[in-house]
Amino acid sequence: GPISGVNREIPVLQCHGDCDPLVPLMFGSLTVEKLKSMINPANVTFRTYSGMMHSSCIEEMMDIKQFIDKHLPPVD
């Protein structure tokens, strides 16, 4: 069924390399637009990384760490 209640407020970080040969950037863009139609679009962040293929990079890992630090409570 449709996403409702507190689940509509879940924060989402979507990351994509602009040179991904496996999953074209356009698919990432379409996915993020679909997500924004399903949950609060203010909580959806889409980051792209210049020159990144179907892999990861330091900048992406730093963005993910920042996202986790912002949204999850610290672990003792």
N, C-alpha and C. Protein backbone atom coordinates (compact mmCIF):
# COMPACT_ATOMS: atom_id res chain seq x y z
N GLY A 1 0.81 -1.20 0.00
CA GLY A 1 0.00 0.00 0.00
C GLY A 1 0.85 1.26 0.00
N PRO A 2 0.20 2.39 0.03
CA PRO A 2 0.93 3.66 0.02
C PRO A 2 1.71 3.86 1.32
N ILE A 3 2.76 4.63 1.25
CA ILE A 3 3.56 4.95 2.42
C ILE A 3 2.80 5.98 3.25
N SER A 4 2.67 5.73 4.55
CA SER A 4 1.88 6.64 5.37
C SER A 4 2.55 6.92 6.70
N GLY A 5 1.98 7.87 7.42
CA GLY A 5 2.41 8.17 8.78
C GLY A 5 3.86 8.59 8.87
N VAL A 6 4.51 8.08 9.91
CA VAL A 6 5.88 8.46 10.19
C VAL A 6 6.83 8.03 9.07
N ASN A 7 6.47 6.99 8.34
CA ASN A 7 7.33 6.52 7.25
C ASN A 7 7.47 7.54 6.12
N ARG A 8 6.49 8.45 6.02
CA ARG A 8 6.59 9.50 4.99
C ARG A 8 7.68 10.51 5.33
N GLU A 9 8.15 10.48 6.58
CA GLU A 9 9.16 11.44 7.04
C GLU A 9 10.57 10.85 7.09
N ILE A 10 10.74 9.63 6.60
CA ILE A 10 12.06 8.99 6.67
C ILE A 10 13.07 9.75 5.80
N PRO A 11 14.27 10.01 6.34
CA PRO A 11 15.29 10.67 5.52
C PRO A 11 15.95 9.68 4.56
N VAL A 12 16.19 10.13 3.34
CA VAL A 12 16.80 9.28 2.31
C VAL A 12 17.97 10.02 1.68
N LEU A 13 19.10 9.33 1.57
CA LEU A 13 20.24 9.83 0.81
C LEU A 13 20.47 8.86 -0.34
N GLN A 14 20.38 9.37 -1.56
CA GLN A 14 20.64 8.56 -2.75
C GLN A 14 21.88 9.12 -3.43
N CYS A 15 22.83 8.25 -3.72
CA CYS A 15 24.10 8.66 -4.32
C CYS A 15 24.28 7.97 -5.68
N HIS A 16 24.90 8.70 -6.62
CA HIS A 16 25.07 8.14 -7.96
C HIS A 16 26.29 8.75 -8.64
N GLY A 17 27.07 7.92 -9.27
CA GLY A 17 28.18 8.41 -10.08
C GLY A 17 27.68 8.84 -11.44
N ASP A 18 28.19 9.96 -11.95
CA ASP A 18 27.69 10.44 -13.23
C ASP A 18 28.29 9.70 -14.43
N CYS A 19 29.21 8.77 -14.17
CA CYS A 19 29.79 7.95 -15.25
C CYS A 19 29.49 6.47 -15.06
N ASP A 20 28.46 6.15 -14.30
CA ASP A 20 28.09 4.74 -14.03
C ASP A 20 27.66 4.08 -15.33
N PRO A 21 28.42 3.05 -15.81
CA PRO A 21 28.04 2.38 -17.06
C PRO A 21 26.97 1.31 -16.86
N LEU A 22 26.73 0.90 -15.59
CA LEU A 22 25.78 -0.17 -15.31
C LEU A 22 24.38 0.39 -15.06
N VAL A 23 24.30 1.44 -14.24
CA VAL A 23 23.02 2.09 -13.92
C VAL A 23 23.15 3.56 -14.34
N PRO A 24 22.60 3.90 -15.51
CA PRO A 24 22.75 5.27 -16.00
C PRO A 24 22.22 6.30 -15.01
N LEU A 25 22.86 7.46 -14.96
CA LEU A 25 22.47 8.54 -14.06
C LEU A 25 20.99 8.89 -14.23
N MET A 26 20.47 8.79 -15.46
CA MET A 26 19.05 9.10 -15.69
C MET A 26 18.15 8.21 -14.83
N PHE A 27 18.54 6.95 -14.64
CA PHE A 27 17.73 6.05 -13.81
C PHE A 27 17.74 6.50 -12.35
N GLY A 28 18.89 6.99 -11.90
CA GLY A 28 18.97 7.54 -10.55
C GLY A 28 18.08 8.76 -10.40
N SER A 29 18.09 9.61 -11.41
CA SER A 29 17.24 10.81 -11.39
C SER A 29 15.76 10.45 -11.37
N LEU A 30 15.38 9.46 -12.17
CA LEU A 30 13.98 9.02 -12.19
C LEU A 30 13.59 8.40 -10.85
N THR A 31 14.49 7.63 -10.26
CA THR A 31 14.23 7.00 -8.96
C THR A 31 14.01 8.05 -7.88
N VAL A 32 14.87 9.08 -7.85
CA VAL A 32 14.74 10.10 -6.81
C VAL A 32 13.45 10.89 -6.99
N GLU A 33 13.03 11.13 -8.22
CA GLU A 33 11.76 11.83 -8.44
C GLU A 33 10.58 10.98 -7.98
N LYS A 34 10.64 9.68 -8.22
CA LYS A 34 9.59 8.76 -7.75
C LYS A 34 9.55 8.76 -6.22
N LEU A 35 10.72 8.68 -5.58
CA LEU A 35 10.78 8.73 -4.12
C LEU A 35 10.15 10.00 -3.58
N LYS A 36 10.47 11.14 -4.22
CA LYS A 36 9.94 12.43 -3.77
C LYS A 36 8.43 12.49 -3.89
N SER A 37 7.85 11.68 -4.76
CA SER A 37 6.39 11.65 -4.90
C SER A 37 5.75 10.74 -3.85
N MET A 38 6.57 9.91 -3.20
CA MET A 38 6.05 8.92 -2.24
C MET A 38 6.24 9.35 -0.79
N ILE A 39 7.32 10.09 -0.52
CA ILE A 39 7.60 10.56 0.84
C ILE A 39 7.83 12.07 0.80
N ASN A 40 8.02 12.67 1.97
CA ASN A 40 8.26 14.11 2.04
C ASN A 40 9.51 14.45 1.22
N PRO A 41 9.34 15.19 0.10
CA PRO A 41 10.48 15.47 -0.77
C PRO A 41 11.59 16.26 -0.09
N ALA A 42 11.25 17.00 0.98
CA ALA A 42 12.26 17.77 1.71
C ALA A 42 13.28 16.85 2.39
N ASN A 43 12.91 15.58 2.58
CA ASN A 43 13.78 14.62 3.27
C ASN A 43 14.59 13.75 2.31
N VAL A 44 14.48 14.02 1.01
CA VAL A 44 15.19 13.23 0.01
C VAL A 44 16.37 14.04 -0.51
N THR A 45 17.57 13.48 -0.38
CA THR A 45 18.78 14.12 -0.89
C THR A 45 19.38 13.25 -1.98
N PHE A 46 19.68 13.86 -3.12
CA PHE A 46 20.29 13.15 -4.24
C PHE A 46 21.65 13.78 -4.51
N ARG A 47 22.71 12.98 -4.36
CA ARG A 47 24.06 13.47 -4.61
C ARG A 47 24.67 12.72 -5.79
N THR A 48 25.32 13.48 -6.65
CA THR A 48 26.04 12.86 -7.77
C THR A 48 27.53 13.16 -7.62
N TYR A 49 28.32 12.27 -8.19
CA TYR A 49 29.77 12.36 -8.06
C TYR A 49 30.41 12.33 -9.44
N SER A 50 31.13 13.40 -9.73
CA SER A 50 31.75 13.59 -11.04
C SER A 50 32.81 12.53 -11.32
N GLY A 51 32.67 11.86 -12.44
CA GLY A 51 33.65 10.87 -12.87
C GLY A 51 33.51 9.50 -12.22
N MET A 52 32.60 9.36 -11.24
CA MET A 52 32.46 8.07 -10.55
C MET A 52 31.68 7.09 -11.40
N MET A 53 32.21 5.89 -11.49
CA MET A 53 31.54 4.83 -12.24
C MET A 53 30.63 4.03 -11.30
N HIS A 54 30.50 2.71 -11.53
CA HIS A 54 29.66 1.86 -10.68
C HIS A 54 30.51 1.45 -9.48
N SER A 55 30.78 2.41 -8.60
CA SER A 55 31.73 2.21 -7.50
C SER A 55 31.43 3.23 -6.42
N SER A 56 32.43 3.53 -5.62
CA SER A 56 32.28 4.58 -4.61
C SER A 56 33.52 5.45 -4.63
N CYS A 57 33.47 6.55 -3.89
CA CYS A 57 34.62 7.44 -3.81
C CYS A 57 34.66 8.04 -2.41
N ILE A 58 35.77 8.66 -2.06
CA ILE A 58 35.94 9.25 -0.73
C ILE A 58 34.83 10.28 -0.44
N GLU A 59 34.52 11.12 -1.42
CA GLU A 59 33.48 12.15 -1.22
C GLU A 59 32.14 11.51 -0.87
N GLU A 60 31.81 10.44 -1.57
CA GLU A 60 30.55 9.74 -1.30
C GLU A 60 30.56 9.16 0.12
N MET A 61 31.66 8.54 0.51
CA MET A 61 31.75 7.95 1.85
C MET A 61 31.63 9.03 2.93
N MET A 62 32.21 10.21 2.67
CA MET A 62 32.10 11.31 3.63
C MET A 62 30.65 11.82 3.73
N ASP A 63 29.97 11.89 2.58
CA ASP A 63 28.55 12.30 2.59
C ASP A 63 27.70 11.29 3.35
N ILE A 64 27.98 10.00 3.16
CA ILE A 64 27.23 8.95 3.86
C ILE A 64 27.48 9.04 5.37
N LYS A 65 28.74 9.24 5.76
CA LYS A 65 29.06 9.37 7.19
C LYS A 65 28.32 10.56 7.80
N GLN A 66 28.32 11.69 7.09
CA GLN A 66 27.64 12.90 7.58
C GLN A 66 26.13 12.63 7.73
N PHE A 67 25.54 11.93 6.75
CA PHE A 67 24.12 11.59 6.77
C PHE A 67 23.80 10.71 7.99
N ILE A 68 24.64 9.68 8.21
CA ILE A 68 24.44 8.77 9.35
C ILE A 68 24.58 9.53 10.66
N ASP A 69 25.62 10.35 10.77
CA ASP A 69 25.83 11.13 11.99
C ASP A 69 24.65 12.05 12.28
N LYS A 70 24.05 12.59 11.24
CA LYS A 70 22.93 13.54 11.40
C LYS A 70 21.65 12.83 11.82
N HIS A 71 21.40 11.64 11.29
CA HIS A 71 20.09 11.01 11.46
C HIS A 71 20.03 9.86 12.45
N LEU A 72 21.17 9.29 12.83
CA LEU A 72 21.15 8.16 13.77
C LEU A 72 21.77 8.58 15.09
N PRO A 73 21.22 8.10 16.20
CA PRO A 73 21.80 8.44 17.50
C PRO A 73 23.18 7.82 17.63
N PRO A 74 24.07 8.45 18.41
CA PRO A 74 25.40 7.87 18.61
C PRO A 74 25.33 6.53 19.32
N VAL A 75 26.28 5.68 19.02
CA VAL A 75 26.38 4.35 19.66
C VAL A 75 27.40 4.45 20.78
N ASP A 76 27.04 3.97 21.96
CA ASP A 76 27.98 4.01 23.09
C ASP A 76 29.10 3.00 22.91
